[in-house]
Amino acid sequence: MSTGYALAYRLGITPWERAGRGAAAQFTALVSREEAGRNPPYGPALDLGCGTGTHSLQLAERGWRVIGIDAVGAAVHRARARAAEEGADIRFLEGDVTDLRPDAVGEVGFFLDVGCFHGLKDGQRAAMGEKVTAVAAPGATLLLLAFRPGRRLLLPRGAGRGDVETAFPGWILTDEEPADVSGMPGPLERTAPCWYRLRRA
């Protein structure tokens, strides 16, 4: 999918970055759950497949120490520019989520994946799970958004609960809930995305 994403960013066709109002409210609620009972700063967060940094910026504003990583150079360049414009202290890396290095990202307590995992091939998913686990702090959590599995022209193939659990064998899936698709473009609305929350065992 990285080639497709690179082309989409080059053409400026990025509908996944225009979440509806309902989706934004749900995202806020999900992150608030991760922060419950704690005071900022919350610690290190890694935004997997960060794109142009929308969610990275939101996490940083809330008090997380954020690193964003994406394989598409154009997206990372834009993310860095946005962080500079907003005075946000975020490190954006151009890299592969299937090849995370501890020396680059450190030990991470919270992972966010808004639509990266569900576009990967099976081998890449397994590699991502292995590398995420390698840099995860004890008790770390992962919040992952994925389309329902299916064949779609020009869209990721999606992933279900079983796909997520298979790729993250050292984690416990604690929550699963349908994503709010109100206000999203029609093609994305029909993918019936779901949020999965996992905790490192």
Protein backbone atom coordinates (compact mmCIF):
# COMPACT_ATOMS: atom_id res chain seq x y z
CA MET A 1 0.00 0.00 0.00
CA SER A 2 2.92 2.42 0.47
CA THR A 3 3.16 3.04 -3.28
CA GLY A 4 -0.53 3.84 -3.41
CA TYR A 5 -0.27 6.17 -0.43
CA ALA A 6 2.76 7.91 -1.94
CA LEU A 7 0.81 8.58 -5.13
CA ALA A 8 -2.23 9.75 -3.17
CA TYR A 9 -0.18 12.25 -1.15
CA ARG A 10 1.51 13.47 -4.32
CA LEU A 11 -1.90 14.09 -5.91
CA GLY A 12 -3.39 15.52 -2.72
CA ILE A 13 -6.10 12.84 -2.58
CA THR A 14 -6.20 11.94 1.12
CA PRO A 15 -9.83 11.46 2.21
CA TRP A 16 -8.75 9.43 5.27
CA GLU A 17 -7.37 12.64 6.79
CA ARG A 18 -10.79 14.30 6.78
CA ALA A 19 -12.57 12.62 9.66
CA GLY A 20 -16.12 13.59 10.42
CA ARG A 21 -17.13 15.36 13.62
CA GLY A 22 -18.37 12.12 15.17
CA ALA A 23 -15.08 10.37 14.46
CA ALA A 24 -13.14 13.21 16.07
CA ALA A 25 -15.30 13.07 19.19
CA GLN A 26 -14.88 9.30 19.45
CA PHE A 27 -11.11 9.57 19.03
CA THR A 28 -10.99 12.12 21.86
CA ALA A 29 -12.97 9.78 24.10
CA LEU A 30 -10.73 6.81 23.30
CA VAL A 31 -7.56 8.73 24.08
CA SER A 32 -9.11 10.14 27.25
CA ARG A 33 -9.59 6.54 28.41
CA GLU A 34 -5.84 5.99 28.06
CA GLU A 35 -5.21 9.07 30.18
CA ALA A 36 -7.72 8.26 32.92
CA GLY A 37 -6.30 8.52 36.43
CA ARG A 38 -3.06 10.08 35.21
CA ASN A 39 -1.68 13.60 34.90
CA PRO A 40 0.27 14.99 31.94
CA PRO A 41 2.88 14.52 30.72
CA TYR A 42 1.64 11.03 29.93
CA GLY A 43 4.82 9.59 28.47
CA PRO A 44 5.97 8.31 25.09
CA ALA A 45 3.46 7.67 22.31
CA LEU A 46 4.22 6.30 18.85
CA ASP A 47 1.90 7.19 15.95
CA LEU A 48 2.25 4.31 13.46
CA GLY A 49 1.63 5.42 9.87
CA CYS A 50 1.26 9.01 11.04
CA GLY A 51 0.61 10.55 7.62
CA THR A 52 0.76 14.33 7.82
CA GLY A 53 0.65 14.26 11.60
CA THR A 54 -2.97 15.09 12.44
CA HIS A 55 -3.24 12.62 15.31
CA SER A 56 0.36 13.15 16.42
CA LEU A 57 -0.40 16.84 16.89
CA GLN A 58 -3.54 16.05 18.86
CA LEU A 59 -1.66 13.70 21.17
CA ALA A 60 1.13 16.23 21.72
CA GLU A 61 -1.38 18.93 22.55
CA ARG A 62 -2.88 16.65 25.20
CA GLY A 63 0.49 16.08 26.87
CA TRP A 64 2.01 13.01 25.23
CA ARG A 65 5.66 12.84 24.12
CA VAL A 66 5.07 11.88 20.52
CA ILE A 67 7.03 10.24 17.74
CA GLY A 68 5.34 9.77 14.37
CA ILE A 69 6.56 7.35 11.73
CA ASP A 70 5.47 6.91 8.12
CA ALA A 71 6.99 5.34 5.00
CA VAL A 72 5.82 8.15 2.70
CA GLY A 73 8.39 10.93 2.59
CA ALA A 74 5.96 13.59 1.37
CA ALA A 75 3.65 12.91 4.31
CA VAL A 76 6.51 13.08 6.83
CA HIS A 77 7.77 16.33 5.30
CA ARG A 78 4.31 17.88 5.67
CA ALA A 79 3.98 16.57 9.22
CA ARG A 80 7.26 18.20 10.20
CA ALA A 81 6.15 21.48 8.65
CA ARG A 82 2.84 21.37 10.52
CA ALA A 83 4.59 20.68 13.83
CA ALA A 84 6.93 23.61 13.22
CA GLU A 85 4.00 25.88 12.38
CA GLU A 86 2.23 24.94 15.60
CA GLY A 87 5.32 24.91 17.78
CA ALA A 88 4.78 21.25 18.67
CA ASP A 89 7.71 19.18 19.93
CA ILE A 90 7.20 16.01 17.87
CA ARG A 91 9.77 13.81 16.16
CA PHE A 92 8.64 12.59 12.75
CA LEU A 93 10.57 9.73 11.20
CA GLU A 94 10.49 8.45 7.65
CA GLY A 95 10.54 4.72 8.20
CA ASP A 96 8.83 1.35 8.11
CA VAL A 97 6.51 0.18 10.90
CA THR A 98 7.71 -3.38 10.19
CA ASP A 99 11.27 -2.36 11.07
CA LEU A 100 11.02 -0.27 14.24
CA ARG A 101 14.34 0.17 16.05
CA PRO A 102 14.64 0.68 19.81
CA ASP A 103 17.49 3.14 19.28
CA ALA A 104 15.17 5.28 17.12
CA VAL A 105 11.92 5.19 19.11
CA GLY A 106 12.94 4.13 22.61
CA GLU A 107 10.49 2.37 24.95
CA VAL A 108 6.88 3.21 24.15
CA GLY A 109 3.86 3.19 26.47
CA PHE A 110 1.11 3.99 23.97
CA PHE A 111 0.81 3.12 20.28
CA LEU A 112 -1.69 4.61 17.86
CA ASP A 113 -2.50 3.15 14.47
CA VAL A 114 -5.22 4.93 12.51
CA GLY A 115 -5.37 2.86 9.33
CA CYS A 116 -1.83 1.53 8.84
CA PHE A 117 -2.00 -2.13 9.88
CA HIS A 118 -5.08 -2.93 7.81
CA GLY A 119 -3.28 -2.18 4.54
CA LEU A 120 -0.31 -4.48 5.17
CA LYS A 121 0.28 -7.99 3.82
CA ASP A 122 0.22 -10.89 6.27
CA GLY A 123 4.00 -11.09 6.58
CA GLN A 124 4.23 -7.35 7.15
CA ARG A 125 1.55 -7.53 9.84
CA ALA A 126 3.49 -10.22 11.69
CA ALA A 127 6.68 -8.15 11.42
CA MET A 128 4.89 -5.05 12.68
CA GLY A 129 3.53 -6.96 15.66
CA GLU A 130 6.98 -8.30 16.48
CA LYS A 131 8.66 -4.89 16.23
CA VAL A 132 5.94 -3.07 18.18
CA THR A 133 6.26 -5.65 20.96
CA ALA A 134 10.04 -5.21 20.99
CA VAL A 135 9.76 -1.49 21.80
CA ALA A 136 6.68 -1.71 24.04
CA ALA A 137 6.94 -0.90 27.73
CA PRO A 138 5.39 -3.36 30.21
CA GLY A 139 1.63 -2.80 30.20
CA ALA A 140 1.78 -0.71 27.02
CA THR A 141 -1.46 -0.21 25.09
CA LEU A 142 -2.25 -0.06 21.38
CA LEU A 143 -5.25 1.67 19.84
CA LEU A 144 -5.81 0.48 16.27
CA LEU A 145 -8.40 1.47 13.67
CA ALA A 146 -9.08 -0.96 10.81
CA PHE A 147 -11.62 -1.31 8.02
CA ARG A 148 -13.75 -4.45 8.02
CA PRO A 149 -12.04 -7.06 5.80
CA GLY A 150 -13.13 -6.98 2.17
CA ARG A 151 -12.07 -6.46 -1.43
CA ARG A 152 -12.16 -2.80 -2.38
CA LEU A 153 -10.72 -0.98 -5.36
CA LEU A 154 -7.96 1.45 -4.30
CA LEU A 155 -8.66 0.96 -0.57
CA PRO A 156 -6.87 -1.19 2.05
CA ARG A 157 -8.12 -4.76 2.37
CA GLY A 158 -9.03 -4.28 6.00
CA ALA A 159 -8.48 -6.45 9.06
CA GLY A 160 -10.67 -8.21 11.60
CA ARG A 161 -10.26 -9.16 15.23
CA GLY A 162 -8.56 -12.44 14.31
CA ASP A 163 -6.03 -10.66 12.09
CA VAL A 164 -5.13 -8.27 14.89
CA GLU A 165 -4.80 -11.00 17.53
CA THR A 166 -2.68 -13.13 15.20
CA ALA A 167 -0.22 -10.30 14.58
CA PHE A 168 0.05 -9.38 18.28
CA PRO A 169 0.30 -12.73 20.11
CA GLY A 170 1.86 -11.18 23.20
CA TRP A 171 -1.05 -8.78 23.67
CA ILE A 172 -4.57 -9.00 25.08
CA LEU A 173 -7.42 -7.48 23.08
CA THR A 174 -9.38 -5.62 25.76
CA ASP A 175 -11.93 -3.63 23.75
CA GLU A 176 -13.54 -3.56 20.32
CA GLU A 177 -16.06 -1.01 19.09
CA PRO A 178 -17.39 0.23 15.75
CA ALA A 179 -15.89 3.50 14.60
CA ASP A 180 -18.18 6.49 14.23
CA VAL A 181 -18.36 7.12 10.48
CA SER A 182 -20.77 10.07 10.52
CA GLY A 183 -19.50 12.81 8.24
CA MET A 184 -16.94 10.60 6.49
CA PRO A 185 -16.81 10.29 2.68
CA GLY A 186 -19.17 7.56 1.41
CA PRO A 187 -16.50 5.04 0.33
CA LEU A 188 -14.89 5.17 3.77
CA GLU A 189 -18.20 5.05 5.58
CA ARG A 190 -19.04 1.76 3.85
CA THR A 191 -15.85 0.07 5.09
CA ALA A 192 -17.43 -0.28 8.58
CA PRO A 193 -14.19 0.47 10.45
CA CYS A 194 -13.61 -0.72 13.99
CA TRP A 195 -11.41 0.39 16.87
CA TYR A 196 -9.38 -2.28 18.67
CA ARG A 197 -7.58 -1.72 21.97
CA LEU A 198 -4.81 -4.08 23.03
CA ARG A 199 -2.65 -4.27 26.12
CA ARG A 200 0.74 -5.94 26.28
CA ALA A 201 0.43 -9.05 28.43
